[in-house]
Amino acid sequence: MEEASLQNLLFEDPSIIPIEDLFDTSLGSIRLMLKEVGLPDAGSIDLIGVDVKGNIYVIETKLAKNPEAKRQVIGQILEYAAHMHEKEVDWLDNAVKKQKGVGLSEYFEQLNDSDWNKENFEQNIADNLASGTFKLFIVVDEMNSSLQKIINYMRNVLKVEIYALELKYFKHNDDGMEILVSTVHGGKMPPPPKPQSSKWTWERFLEDAEKRVDEYTLKTLEELYEFTCQMGRVDFGKGRVYGTFKLFLPYKDDEFDLYVVRSDARGSWFSFKTMLQKGVKKELIQEFIRNLKALGFPLDENNHAERYPQFDVTILNEKEKLSKFKQYVKELKEKLQTIN
């Protein structure tokens, strides 16, 4: 088996990596796999995987006969992780668009996995990139004692989350039956201490936004927050990288979040899919989208009514557009109240 074959096996069937056997919390399987992702000054990563929780897997394949299957592959995968550390989400999003034709969140939306939550997923992706928290896998056709010792030292002493996955391929000469046997070396790592996470407050959100946006956008964020407080229940997120606040509108005996605003302004989104799940008629959502589209939001009532489309708050920097936006949200709320 060649290295390209190992790589293709994992690319075509990510479930070969036994995620459920390695982690206490069931993550299912890797649902997105990217191949040969380039990094400036560091070459290309064989494979990058992502699961529904926003965990990121860095995967390097090597054959036992390749001398790099010992020490050099360790340096290689650490170099990749170091260059990914502190990358913006846009970097990963663009890599997904290049290979899959859609963005990262849109790709997972289309999977319709009940365990996927857009807000938690995007916050975890951003947090993991910012903190350099990745799950490292070296995939080999045959394990050797030198690599085993290095893996054990990195895991047990340095506390690096790194695994060796041995994939042995067998083909029966008589009937042509093919068998692939996978063995993980290293076993489970103890769960890392949970980072201290607390909900953002308006004060923290504003302080973070001041570092990320210009004065005009900051003013828009302030006015949008004041309007949000007037319209319904406001809730803040727990992300470690970006602050978020969302507007909850009442609907029948329940509520739903209409939009989520992020402290960098451009990573905000509408929760149209949640509205549909709560029973709001699609026609009402489409009407709201048409109004937003007239303001310059890059939305389409036929393509976005069942999704979580992102938007840039800077669209509302013009006072007239912000005033119209408030009007459309008020009208939507009034229509929802008549349904009650």
C-alpha atoms as a PDB file:
ATOM      1  CA  MET A   1       0.000   0.000   0.000  1.00  0.00           C
ATOM      2  CA  GLU A   2       1.303   3.451  -0.928  1.00  0.00           C
ATOM      3  CA  GLU A   3       0.997   6.631   1.156  1.00  0.00           C
ATOM      4  CA  ALA A   4      -1.477   8.029  -1.373  1.00  0.00           C
ATOM      5  CA  SER A   5      -3.636   4.939  -0.851  1.00  0.00           C
ATOM      6  CA  LEU A   6      -3.643   5.436   2.912  1.00  0.00           C
ATOM      7  CA  GLN A   7      -4.596   9.057   2.411  1.00  0.00           C
ATOM      8  CA  ASN A   8      -7.396   8.222  -0.028  1.00  0.00           C
ATOM      9  CA  LEU A   9      -8.824   5.564   2.275  1.00  0.00           C
ATOM     10  CA  LEU A  10      -9.241   8.102   5.077  1.00  0.00           C
ATOM     11  CA  PHE A  11     -10.455  10.817   2.726  1.00  0.00           C
ATOM     12  CA  GLU A  12     -13.176   8.574   1.300  1.00  0.00           C
ATOM     13  CA  ASP A  13     -14.145   7.007   4.653  1.00  0.00           C
ATOM     14  CA  PRO A  14     -13.268   9.159   7.709  1.00  0.00           C
ATOM     15  CA  SER A  15     -15.085   6.682   9.962  1.00  0.00           C
ATOM     16  CA  ILE A  16     -11.978   4.482   9.755  1.00  0.00           C
ATOM     17  CA  ILE A  17     -10.617   6.689  12.540  1.00  0.00           C
ATOM     18  CA  PRO A  18     -12.425   5.232  15.583  1.00  0.00           C
ATOM     19  CA  ILE A  19     -13.413   8.500  17.231  1.00  0.00           C
ATOM     20  CA  GLU A  20     -16.036   6.831  19.426  1.00  0.00           C
ATOM     21  CA  ASP A  21     -13.368   4.544  20.949  1.00  0.00           C
ATOM     22  CA  LEU A  22     -11.011   7.371  21.833  1.00  0.00           C
ATOM     23  CA  PHE A  23     -13.132  10.011  23.487  1.00  0.00           C
ATOM     24  CA  ASP A  24     -15.446   9.817  26.477  1.00  0.00           C
ATOM     25  CA  THR A  25     -17.973  12.119  24.839  1.00  0.00           C
ATOM     26  CA  SER A  26     -19.378  10.545  21.694  1.00  0.00           C
ATOM     27  CA  LEU A  27     -18.551  12.701  18.701  1.00  0.00           C
ATOM     28  CA  GLY A  28     -19.831  10.295  16.096  1.00  0.00           C
ATOM     29  CA  SER A  29     -17.364  10.327  13.217  1.00  0.00           C
ATOM     30  CA  ILE A  30     -15.439  12.972  11.326  1.00  0.00           C
ATOM     31  CA  ARG A  31     -18.042  14.412   8.944  1.00  0.00           C
ATOM     32  CA  LEU A  32     -15.775  16.643   6.856  1.00  0.00           C
ATOM     33  CA  MET A  33     -12.397  15.659   5.423  1.00  0.00           C
ATOM     34  CA  LEU A  34     -10.141  17.924   3.378  1.00  0.00           C
ATOM     35  CA  LYS A  35      -7.139  16.721   1.391  1.00  0.00           C
ATOM     36  CA  GLU A  36      -3.800  18.454   0.774  1.00  0.00           C
ATOM     37  CA  VAL A  37      -4.585  21.737   2.507  1.00  0.00           C
ATOM     38  CA  GLY A  38      -1.802  24.237   1.857  1.00  0.00           C
ATOM     39  CA  LEU A  39      -0.061  26.252   4.559  1.00  0.00           C
ATOM     40  CA  PRO A  40       2.284  29.128   3.653  1.00  0.00           C
ATOM     41  CA  ASP A  41       5.919  28.164   4.393  1.00  0.00           C
ATOM     42  CA  ALA A  42       4.879  24.736   5.709  1.00  0.00           C
ATOM     43  CA  GLY A  43       3.790  22.682   2.707  1.00  0.00           C
ATOM     44  CA  SER A  44       0.471  20.855   2.584  1.00  0.00           C
ATOM     45  CA  ILE A  45      -1.318  18.931   5.306  1.00  0.00           C
ATOM     46  CA  ASP A  46      -2.293  15.451   4.109  1.00  0.00           C
ATOM     47  CA  LEU A  47      -5.748  15.617   5.693  1.00  0.00           C
ATOM     48  CA  ILE A  48      -7.785  17.910   7.924  1.00  0.00           C
ATOM     49  CA  GLY A  49     -10.936  16.536   9.527  1.00  0.00           C
ATOM     50  CA  VAL A  50     -13.780  18.272  11.368  1.00  0.00           C
ATOM     51  CA  ASP A  51     -16.579  16.745  13.445  1.00  0.00           C
ATOM     52  CA  VAL A  52     -20.012  18.161  14.334  1.00  0.00           C
ATOM     53  CA  LYS A  53     -18.746  19.640  17.612  1.00  0.00           C
ATOM     54  CA  GLY A  54     -16.061  21.742  15.907  1.00  0.00           C
ATOM     55  CA  ASN A  55     -13.072  19.573  16.831  1.00  0.00           C
ATOM     56  CA  ILE A  56     -10.256  19.767  14.273  1.00  0.00           C
ATOM     57  CA  TYR A  57      -8.148  16.750  13.303  1.00  0.00           C
ATOM     58  CA  VAL A  58      -4.701  17.087  11.690  1.00  0.00           C
ATOM     59  CA  ILE A  59      -3.776  13.844   9.946  1.00  0.00           C
ATOM     60  CA  GLU A  60      -0.458  12.823   8.369  1.00  0.00           C
ATOM     61  CA  THR A  61       0.072   9.501   6.561  1.00  0.00           C
ATOM     62  CA  LYS A  62       3.408   7.679   6.334  1.00  0.00           C
ATOM     63  CA  LEU A  63       4.601   4.193   5.371  1.00  0.00           C
ATOM     64  CA  ALA A  64       6.795   2.178   7.736  1.00  0.00           C
ATOM     65  CA  LYS A  65       9.456   1.882   5.026  1.00  0.00           C
ATOM     66  CA  ASN A  66       9.630   5.691   4.863  1.00  0.00           C
ATOM     67  CA  PRO A  67      12.311   6.947   7.287  1.00  0.00           C
ATOM     68  CA  GLU A  68      10.022   9.907   8.037  1.00  0.00           C
ATOM     69  CA  ALA A  69       7.702   7.445   9.808  1.00  0.00           C
ATOM     70  CA  LYS A  70       9.919   7.896  12.862  1.00  0.00           C
ATOM     71  CA  ARG A  71      11.190  11.257  14.055  1.00  0.00           C
ATOM     72  CA  GLN A  72      10.611  13.509  11.067  1.00  0.00           C
ATOM     73  CA  VAL A  73       6.887  12.916  10.840  1.00  0.00           C
ATOM     74  CA  ILE A  74       6.520  14.141  14.425  1.00  0.00           C
ATOM     75  CA  GLY A  75       8.213  17.416  13.537  1.00  0.00           C
ATOM     76  CA  GLN A  76       6.115  17.649  10.394  1.00  0.00           C
ATOM     77  CA  ILE A  77       2.737  17.305  12.117  1.00  0.00           C
ATOM     78  CA  LEU A  78       3.771  19.701  14.890  1.00  0.00           C
ATOM     79  CA  GLU A  79       4.854  22.235  12.279  1.00  0.00           C
ATOM     80  CA  TYR A  80       1.454  21.991  10.627  1.00  0.00           C
ATOM     81  CA  ALA A  81      -0.313  22.468  13.967  1.00  0.00           C
ATOM     82  CA  ALA A  82       1.912  25.455  14.794  1.00  0.00           C
ATOM     83  CA  HIS A  83       1.099  27.131  11.471  1.00  0.00           C
ATOM     84  CA  MET A  84      -2.625  26.473  11.942  1.00  0.00           C
ATOM     85  CA  HIS A  85      -2.505  27.982  15.437  1.00  0.00           C
ATOM     86  CA  GLU A  86      -4.147  31.419  15.485  1.00  0.00           C
ATOM     87  CA  LYS A  87      -5.405  31.090  11.912  1.00  0.00           C
ATOM     88  CA  GLU A  88      -8.678  32.901  11.327  1.00  0.00           C
ATOM     89  CA  VAL A  89     -11.820  30.873  10.668  1.00  0.00           C
ATOM     90  CA  ASP A  90     -11.834  32.391   7.167  1.00  0.00           C
ATOM     91  CA  TRP A  91      -8.725  30.362   6.336  1.00  0.00           C
ATOM     92  CA  LEU A  92     -10.493  27.073   7.063  1.00  0.00           C
ATOM     93  CA  ASP A  93     -13.747  28.316   5.527  1.00  0.00           C
ATOM     94  CA  ASN A  94     -11.958  29.148   2.258  1.00  0.00           C
ATOM     95  CA  ALA A  95     -10.284  25.729   2.206  1.00  0.00           C
ATOM     96  CA  VAL A  96     -13.714  24.088   2.538  1.00  0.00           C
ATOM     97  CA  LYS A  97     -15.174  26.281  -0.231  1.00  0.00           C
ATOM     98  CA  LYS A  98     -12.288  25.372  -2.516  1.00  0.00           C
ATOM     99  CA  GLN A  99     -12.801  21.626  -2.099  1.00  0.00           C
ATOM    100  CA  LYS A 100     -16.525  21.308  -1.346  1.00  0.00           C
ATOM    101  CA  GLY A 101     -18.029  24.310  -3.110  1.00  0.00           C
ATOM    102  CA  VAL A 102     -19.702  25.669   0.041  1.00  0.00           C
ATOM    103  CA  GLY A 103     -18.508  27.242   3.280  1.00  0.00           C
ATOM    104  CA  LEU A 104     -17.764  25.360   6.498  1.00  0.00           C
ATOM    105  CA  SER A 105     -21.052  26.020   8.303  1.00  0.00           C
ATOM    106  CA  GLU A 106     -23.115  25.587   5.152  1.00  0.00           C
ATOM    107  CA  TYR A 107     -21.492  22.191   4.581  1.00  0.00           C
ATOM    108  CA  PHE A 108     -22.543  21.011   8.045  1.00  0.00           C
ATOM    109  CA  GLU A 109     -26.011  22.547   7.676  1.00  0.00           C
ATOM    110  CA  GLN A 110     -26.575  20.348   4.633  1.00  0.00           C
ATOM    111  CA  LEU A 111     -25.763  17.211   6.627  1.00  0.00           C
ATOM    112  CA  ASN A 112     -28.884  17.770   8.754  1.00  0.00           C
ATOM    113  CA  ASP A 113     -27.181  16.190  11.758  1.00  0.00           C
ATOM    114  CA  SER A 114     -29.308  16.642  14.890  1.00  0.00           C
ATOM    115  CA  ASP A 115     -26.143  16.966  17.017  1.00  0.00           C
ATOM    116  CA  TRP A 116     -24.947  20.021  15.078  1.00  0.00           C
ATOM    117  CA  ASN A 117     -25.533  23.474  16.572  1.00  0.00           C
ATOM    118  CA  LYS A 118     -24.364  26.401  14.464  1.00  0.00           C
ATOM    119  CA  GLU A 119     -23.476  28.774  17.288  1.00  0.00           C
ATOM    120  CA  ASN A 120     -21.598  26.201  19.379  1.00  0.00           C
ATOM    121  CA  PHE A 121     -19.888  24.779  16.289  1.00  0.00           C
ATOM    122  CA  GLU A 122     -18.609  28.148  15.040  1.00  0.00           C
ATOM    123  CA  GLN A 123     -17.451  29.195  18.495  1.00  0.00           C
ATOM    124  CA  ASN A 124     -15.594  25.909  18.971  1.00  0.00           C
ATOM    125  CA  ILE A 125     -13.921  26.177  15.561  1.00  0.00           C
ATOM    126  CA  ALA A 126     -12.757  29.724  16.343  1.00  0.00           C
ATOM    127  CA  ASP A 127     -11.648  28.755  19.857  1.00  0.00           C
ATOM    128  CA  ASN A 128      -9.709  25.697  18.680  1.00  0.00           C
ATOM    129  CA  LEU A 129      -7.869  27.651  15.989  1.00  0.00           C
ATOM    130  CA  ALA A 130      -7.101  30.508  18.374  1.00  0.00           C
ATOM    131  CA  SER A 131      -5.817  28.214  21.136  1.00  0.00           C
ATOM    132  CA  GLY A 132      -4.106  25.681  18.844  1.00  0.00           C
ATOM    133  CA  THR A 133      -6.249  22.846  20.184  1.00  0.00           C
ATOM    134  CA  PHE A 134      -6.113  20.068  17.596  1.00  0.00           C
ATOM    135  CA  LYS A 135      -6.269  16.274  17.612  1.00  0.00           C
ATOM    136  CA  LEU A 136      -3.137  15.005  15.860  1.00  0.00           C
ATOM    137  CA  PHE A 137      -3.086  11.649  14.060  1.00  0.00           C
ATOM    138  CA  ILE A 138      -0.133   9.920  12.437  1.00  0.00           C
ATOM    139  CA  VAL A 139      -1.431   7.118  10.226  1.00  0.00           C
ATOM    140  CA  VAL A 140       0.985   4.324   9.306  1.00  0.00           C
ATOM    141  CA  ASP A 141       0.743   0.924   7.650  1.00  0.00           C
ATOM    142  CA  GLU A 142       2.922  -0.597  10.364  1.00  0.00           C
ATOM    143  CA  MET A 143       3.834   0.685  13.806  1.00  0.00           C
ATOM    144  CA  ASN A 144       7.476   0.735  14.901  1.00  0.00           C
ATOM    145  CA  SER A 145       8.964   0.937  18.401  1.00  0.00           C
ATOM    146  CA  SER A 146      10.681   4.285  17.826  1.00  0.00           C
ATOM    147  CA  LEU A 147       7.463   6.026  16.815  1.00  0.00           C
ATOM    148  CA  GLN A 148       5.653   4.348  19.704  1.00  0.00           C
ATOM    149  CA  LYS A 149       8.164   5.732  22.216  1.00  0.00           C
ATOM    150  CA  ILE A 150       7.902   9.231  20.814  1.00  0.00           C
ATOM    151  CA  ILE A 151       4.089   9.116  20.850  1.00  0.00           C
ATOM    152  CA  ASN A 152       4.069   7.854  24.458  1.00  0.00           C
ATOM    153  CA  TYR A 153       6.449  10.610  25.587  1.00  0.00           C
ATOM    154  CA  MET A 154       4.493  13.375  23.893  1.00  0.00           C
ATOM    155  CA  ARG A 155       1.197  12.134  25.316  1.00  0.00           C
ATOM    156  CA  ASN A 156       2.234  11.132  28.817  1.00  0.00           C
ATOM    157  CA  VAL A 157       4.873  13.748  29.569  1.00  0.00           C
ATOM    158  CA  LEU A 158       4.208  16.716  27.277  1.00  0.00           C
ATOM    159  CA  LYS A 159       0.406  16.154  27.291  1.00  0.00           C
ATOM    160  CA  VAL A 160       0.109  16.629  23.537  1.00  0.00           C
ATOM    161  CA  GLU A 161      -3.063  15.079  22.111  1.00  0.00           C
ATOM    162  CA  ILE A 162      -1.436  12.903  19.483  1.00  0.00           C
ATOM    163  CA  TYR A 163      -2.339   9.413  18.284  1.00  0.00           C
ATOM    164  CA  ALA A 164      -0.840   6.808  16.006  1.00  0.00           C
ATOM    165  CA  LEU A 165      -3.303   4.894  13.847  1.00  0.00           C
ATOM    166  CA  GLU A 166      -2.000   1.674  12.340  1.00  0.00           C
ATOM    167  CA  LEU A 167      -3.860   0.513   9.219  1.00  0.00           C
ATOM    168  CA  LYS A 168      -2.968  -2.954   8.000  1.00  0.00           C
ATOM    169  CA  TYR A 169      -4.262  -4.067   4.632  1.00  0.00           C
ATOM    170  CA  PHE A 170      -4.744  -7.740   3.766  1.00  0.00           C
ATOM    171  CA  LYS A 171      -5.945  -9.346   0.539  1.00  0.00           C
ATOM    172  CA  HIS A 172      -6.857 -13.035   0.374  1.00  0.00           C
ATOM    173  CA  ASN A 173      -5.289 -14.557  -2.712  1.00  0.00           C
ATOM    174  CA  ASP A 174      -7.972 -17.198  -3.220  1.00  0.00           C
ATOM    175  CA  ASP A 175     -11.169 -15.156  -3.243  1.00  0.00           C
ATOM    176  CA  GLY A 176      -9.780 -11.621  -3.469  1.00  0.00           C
ATOM    177  CA  MET A 177     -11.342 -10.604  -0.150  1.00  0.00           C
ATOM    178  CA  GLU A 178      -9.867  -7.352   1.170  1.00  0.00           C
ATOM    179  CA  ILE A 179      -9.559  -6.637   4.898  1.00  0.00           C
ATOM    180  CA  LEU A 180      -8.475  -3.447   6.632  1.00  0.00           C
ATOM    181  CA  VAL A 181      -7.525  -3.706  10.311  1.00  0.00           C
ATOM    182  CA  SER A 182      -7.157  -0.461  12.292  1.00  0.00           C
ATOM    183  CA  THR A 183      -5.380  -0.169  15.640  1.00  0.00           C
ATOM    184  CA  VAL A 184      -4.986   3.018  17.664  1.00  0.00           C
ATOM    185  CA  HIS A 185      -1.786   3.288  19.673  1.00  0.00           C
ATOM    186  CA  GLY A 186      -1.926   5.475  22.749  1.00  0.00           C
ATOM    187  CA  GLY A 187      -5.516   4.926  23.848  1.00  0.00           C
ATOM    188  CA  LYS A 188      -7.677   7.511  25.518  1.00  0.00           C
ATOM    189  CA  MET A 189      -6.162  10.618  27.002  1.00  0.00           C
ATOM    190  CA  PRO A 190      -7.608  11.968  30.239  1.00  0.00           C
ATOM    191  CA  PRO A 191     -10.065  14.737  29.469  1.00  0.00           C
ATOM    192  CA  PRO A 192      -8.399  18.165  29.586  1.00  0.00           C
ATOM    193  CA  PRO A 193      -9.573  20.592  32.237  1.00  0.00           C
ATOM    194  CA  LYS A 194     -12.529  22.527  30.942  1.00  0.00           C
ATOM    195  CA  PRO A 195     -11.643  26.138  30.150  1.00  0.00           C
ATOM    196  CA  GLN A 196     -13.287  28.726  32.297  1.00  0.00           C
ATOM    197  CA  SER A 197     -16.122  29.998  30.181  1.00  0.00           C
ATOM    198  CA  SER A 198     -18.674  32.534  31.191  1.00  0.00           C
ATOM    199  CA  LYS A 199     -21.307  34.391  29.291  1.00  0.00           C
ATOM    200  CA  TRP A 200     -20.320  37.636  27.691  1.00  0.00           C
ATOM    201  CA  THR A 201     -21.867  40.827  28.987  1.00  0.00           C
ATOM    202  CA  TRP A 202     -22.624  43.964  27.045  1.00  0.00           C
ATOM    203  CA  GLU A 203     -19.611  45.643  28.649  1.00  0.00           C
ATOM    204  CA  ARG A 204     -17.251  42.855  27.568  1.00  0.00           C
ATOM    205  CA  PHE A 205     -18.848  42.701  24.117  1.00  0.00           C
ATOM    206  CA  LEU A 206     -18.399  46.451  23.622  1.00  0.00           C
ATOM    207  CA  GLU A 207     -14.787  46.340  24.825  1.00  0.00           C
ATOM    208  CA  ASP A 208     -14.007  43.534  22.373  1.00  0.00           C
ATOM    209  CA  ALA A 209     -15.816  45.256  19.500  1.00  0.00           C
ATOM    210  CA  GLU A 210     -13.777  48.416  20.063  1.00  0.00           C
ATOM    211  CA  LYS A 211     -10.672  46.414  19.137  1.00  0.00           C
ATOM    212  CA  ARG A 212     -12.194  44.887  16.018  1.00  0.00           C
ATOM    213  CA  VAL A 213     -14.359  47.450  14.201  1.00  0.00           C
ATOM    214  CA  ASP A 214     -14.248  51.107  13.185  1.00  0.00           C
ATOM    215  CA  GLU A 215     -16.117  53.854  15.002  1.00  0.00           C
ATOM    216  CA  TYR A 216     -19.064  53.840  12.588  1.00  0.00           C
ATOM    217  CA  THR A 217     -19.638  50.118  12.944  1.00  0.00           C
ATOM    218  CA  LEU A 218     -19.227  50.363  16.705  1.00  0.00           C
ATOM    219  CA  LYS A 219     -22.014  52.945  16.800  1.00  0.00           C
ATOM    220  CA  THR A 220     -24.195  50.618  14.709  1.00  0.00           C
ATOM    221  CA  LEU A 221     -23.530  47.746  17.101  1.00  0.00           C
ATOM    222  CA  GLU A 222     -24.537  49.937  20.051  1.00  0.00           C
ATOM    223  CA  GLU A 223     -27.786  51.023  18.371  1.00  0.00           C
ATOM    224  CA  LEU A 224     -28.527  47.454  17.297  1.00  0.00           C
ATOM    225  CA  TYR A 225     -28.034  46.215  20.861  1.00  0.00           C
ATOM    226  CA  GLU A 226     -30.365  48.883  22.263  1.00  0.00           C
ATOM    227  CA  PHE A 227     -32.984  47.941  19.675  1.00  0.00           C
ATOM    228  CA  THR A 228     -32.541  44.238  20.452  1.00  0.00           C
ATOM    229  CA  CYS A 229     -33.208  44.903  24.149  1.00  0.00           C
ATOM    230  CA  GLN A 230     -36.421  46.712  23.225  1.00  0.00           C
ATOM    231  CA  MET A 231     -37.656  43.940  20.929  1.00  0.00           C
ATOM    232  CA  GLY A 232     -37.332  40.819  23.047  1.00  0.00           C
ATOM    233  CA  ARG A 233     -35.124  38.665  25.226  1.00  0.00           C
ATOM    234  CA  VAL A 234     -31.377  39.132  24.785  1.00  0.00           C
ATOM    235  CA  ASP A 235     -28.886  36.378  25.467  1.00  0.00           C
ATOM    236  CA  PHE A 236     -25.093  36.391  25.277  1.00  0.00           C
ATOM    237  CA  GLY A 237     -22.810  33.599  24.067  1.00  0.00           C
ATOM    238  CA  LYS A 238     -19.884  31.917  25.813  1.00  0.00           C
ATOM    239  CA  GLY A 239     -17.250  31.937  23.056  1.00  0.00           C
ATOM    240  CA  ARG A 240     -13.625  32.461  24.024  1.00  0.00           C
ATOM    241  CA  VAL A 241     -12.741  34.394  20.860  1.00  0.00           C
ATOM    242  CA  TYR A 242     -15.749  36.473  19.790  1.00  0.00           C
ATOM    243  CA  GLY A 243     -18.548  37.973  21.815  1.00  0.00           C
ATOM    244  CA  THR A 244     -22.117  37.349  20.627  1.00  0.00           C
ATOM    245  CA  PHE A 245     -25.594  38.488  21.550  1.00  0.00           C
ATOM    246  CA  LYS A 246     -28.861  37.239  20.095  1.00  0.00           C
ATOM    247  CA  LEU A 247     -32.465  38.373  19.902  1.00  0.00           C
ATOM    248  CA  PHE A 248     -35.159  35.946  21.033  1.00  0.00           C
ATOM    249  CA  LEU A 249     -38.691  36.652  19.846  1.00  0.00           C
ATOM    250  CA  PRO A 250     -41.748  35.024  21.449  1.00  0.00           C
ATOM    251  CA  TYR A 251     -43.762  32.678  19.269  1.00  0.00           C
ATOM    252  CA  LYS A 252     -46.882  30.899  20.470  1.00  0.00           C
ATOM    253  CA  ASP A 253     -45.839  29.213  23.733  1.00  0.00           C
ATOM    254  CA  ASP A 254     -42.171  29.192  22.795  1.00  0.00           C
ATOM    255  CA  GLU A 255     -39.470  31.492  21.410  1.00  0.00           C
ATOM    256  CA  PHE A 256     -36.732  31.478  18.770  1.00  0.00           C
ATOM    257  CA  ASP A 257     -33.598  33.467  18.085  1.00  0.00           C
ATOM    258  CA  LEU A 258     -33.933  35.702  15.045  1.00  0.00           C
ATOM    259  CA  TYR A 259     -30.323  36.845  14.704  1.00  0.00           C
ATOM    260  CA  VAL A 260     -26.927  36.512  16.363  1.00  0.00           C
ATOM    261  CA  VAL A 261     -24.586  39.505  16.306  1.00  0.00           C
ATOM    262  CA  ARG A 262     -20.850  38.954  16.693  1.00  0.00           C
ATOM    263  CA  SER A 263     -18.327  41.432  18.068  1.00  0.00           C
ATOM    264  CA  ASP A 264     -16.430  41.573  14.770  1.00  0.00           C
ATOM    265  CA  ALA A 265     -19.724  42.525  13.027  1.00  0.00           C
ATOM    266  CA  ARG A 266     -19.034  40.502   9.870  1.00  0.00           C
ATOM    267  CA  GLY A 267     -19.549  37.046  11.415  1.00  0.00           C
ATOM    268  CA  SER A 268     -23.190  37.645  12.410  1.00  0.00           C
ATOM    269  CA  TRP A 269     -26.041  35.458  11.139  1.00  0.00           C
ATOM    270  CA  PHE A 270     -29.812  34.986  10.895  1.00  0.00           C
ATOM    271  CA  SER A 271     -31.434  31.866  12.380  1.00  0.00           C
ATOM    272  CA  PHE A 272     -34.037  31.183   9.696  1.00  0.00           C
ATOM    273  CA  LYS A 273     -33.654  27.426   9.989  1.00  0.00           C
ATOM    274  CA  THR A 274     -34.475  27.598  13.704  1.00  0.00           C
ATOM    275  CA  MET A 275     -37.576  29.631  12.874  1.00  0.00           C
ATOM    276  CA  LEU A 276     -38.769  26.903  10.511  1.00  0.00           C
ATOM    277  CA  GLN A 277     -38.093  24.255  13.141  1.00  0.00           C
ATOM    278  CA  LYS A 278     -40.257  26.229  15.588  1.00  0.00           C
ATOM    279  CA  GLY A 279     -43.148  26.230  13.124  1.00  0.00           C
ATOM    280  CA  VAL A 280     -42.899  29.697  11.556  1.00  0.00           C
ATOM    281  CA  LYS A 281     -44.302  29.604   8.029  1.00  0.00           C
ATOM    282  CA  LYS A 282     -41.699  29.683   5.286  1.00  0.00           C
ATOM    283  CA  GLU A 283     -43.649  32.363   3.413  1.00  0.00           C
ATOM    284  CA  LEU A 284     -43.287  34.740   6.352  1.00  0.00           C
ATOM    285  CA  ILE A 285     -39.535  34.154   6.477  1.00  0.00           C
ATOM    286  CA  GLN A 286     -39.236  34.675   2.734  1.00  0.00           C
ATOM    287  CA  GLU A 287     -41.084  37.997   2.996  1.00  0.00           C
ATOM    288  CA  PHE A 288     -38.667  39.113   5.720  1.00  0.00           C
ATOM    289  CA  ILE A 289     -35.716  38.050   3.544  1.00  0.00           C
ATOM    290  CA  ARG A 290     -37.031  40.066   0.586  1.00  0.00           C
ATOM    291  CA  ASN A 291     -37.159  43.153   2.778  1.00  0.00           C
ATOM    292  CA  LEU A 292     -33.589  42.569   3.959  1.00  0.00           C
ATOM    293  CA  LYS A 293     -32.468  41.935   0.396  1.00  0.00           C
ATOM    294  CA  ALA A 294     -33.746  45.387  -0.570  1.00  0.00           C
ATOM    295  CA  LEU A 295     -31.400  46.846   2.067  1.00  0.00           C
ATOM    296  CA  GLY A 296     -28.359  45.187   0.534  1.00  0.00           C
ATOM    297  CA  PHE A 297     -28.158  41.954   2.511  1.00  0.00           C
ATOM    298  CA  PRO A 298     -26.750  39.205   0.223  1.00  0.00           C
ATOM    299  CA  LEU A 299     -29.766  36.970   0.745  1.00  0.00           C
ATOM    300  CA  ASP A 300     -32.103  34.987  -1.470  1.00  0.00           C
ATOM    301  CA  GLU A 301     -35.557  34.010  -0.270  1.00  0.00           C
ATOM    302  CA  ASN A 302     -35.374  30.700  -2.147  1.00  0.00           C
ATOM    303  CA  ASN A 303     -31.910  29.642  -0.966  1.00  0.00           C
ATOM    304  CA  HIS A 304     -31.632  31.064   2.550  1.00  0.00           C
ATOM    305  CA  ALA A 305     -35.059  30.574   4.156  1.00  0.00           C
ATOM    306  CA  GLU A 306     -33.974  27.183   5.506  1.00  0.00           C
ATOM    307  CA  ARG A 307     -30.430  28.117   6.530  1.00  0.00           C
ATOM    308  CA  TYR A 308     -28.350  30.259   8.886  1.00  0.00           C
ATOM    309  CA  PRO A 309     -26.975  32.866   6.443  1.00  0.00           C
ATOM    310  CA  GLN A 310     -24.226  35.153   7.673  1.00  0.00           C
ATOM    311  CA  PHE A 311     -24.346  38.908   7.323  1.00  0.00           C
ATOM    312  CA  ASP A 312     -22.138  41.903   7.916  1.00  0.00           C
ATOM    313  CA  VAL A 313     -23.495  44.488  10.351  1.00  0.00           C
ATOM    314  CA  THR A 314     -21.693  47.237   8.390  1.00  0.00           C
ATOM    315  CA  ILE A 315     -24.596  47.069   5.902  1.00  0.00           C
ATOM    316  CA  LEU A 316     -26.553  48.943   8.576  1.00  0.00           C
ATOM    317  CA  ASN A 317     -24.017  51.736   9.053  1.00  0.00           C
ATOM    318  CA  GLU A 318     -26.269  53.976   6.974  1.00  0.00           C
ATOM    319  CA  LYS A 319     -28.921  55.421   9.287  1.00  0.00           C
ATOM    320  CA  GLU A 320     -31.707  54.971   6.778  1.00  0.00           C
ATOM    321  CA  LYS A 321     -30.904  51.271   6.352  1.00  0.00           C
ATOM    322  CA  LEU A 322     -30.703  50.716  10.106  1.00  0.00           C
ATOM    323  CA  SER A 323     -34.065  52.433  10.520  1.00  0.00           C
ATOM    324  CA  LYS A 324     -35.599  50.231   7.820  1.00  0.00           C
ATOM    325  CA  PHE A 325     -34.079  47.115   9.414  1.00  0.00           C
ATOM    326  CA  LYS A 326     -35.702  47.987  12.746  1.00  0.00           C
ATOM    327  CA  GLN A 327     -39.014  48.524  10.980  1.00  0.00           C
ATOM    328  CA  TYR A 328     -38.876  45.105   9.289  1.00  0.00           C
ATOM    329  CA  VAL A 329     -38.034  43.333  12.552  1.00  0.00           C
ATOM    330  CA  LYS A 330     -40.922  45.110  14.308  1.00  0.00           C
ATOM    331  CA  GLU A 331     -43.313  44.131  11.529  1.00  0.00           C
ATOM    332  CA  LEU A 332     -42.162  40.525  11.756  1.00  0.00           C
ATOM    333  CA  LYS A 333     -42.724  40.480  15.507  1.00  0.00           C
ATOM    334  CA  GLU A 334     -46.223  41.957  15.117  1.00  0.00           C
ATOM    335  CA  LYS A 335     -47.152  39.329  12.519  1.00  0.00           C
ATOM    336  CA  LEU A 336     -45.892  36.563  14.815  1.00  0.00           C
ATOM    337  CA  GLN A 337     -47.983  37.938  17.675  1.00  0.00           C
ATOM    338  CA  THR A 338     -51.138  37.779  15.571  1.00  0.00           C
ATOM    339  CA  ILE A 339     -50.483  34.058  15.102  1.00  0.00           C
ATOM    340  CA  ASN A 340     -50.446  33.608  18.883  1.00  0.00           C
END
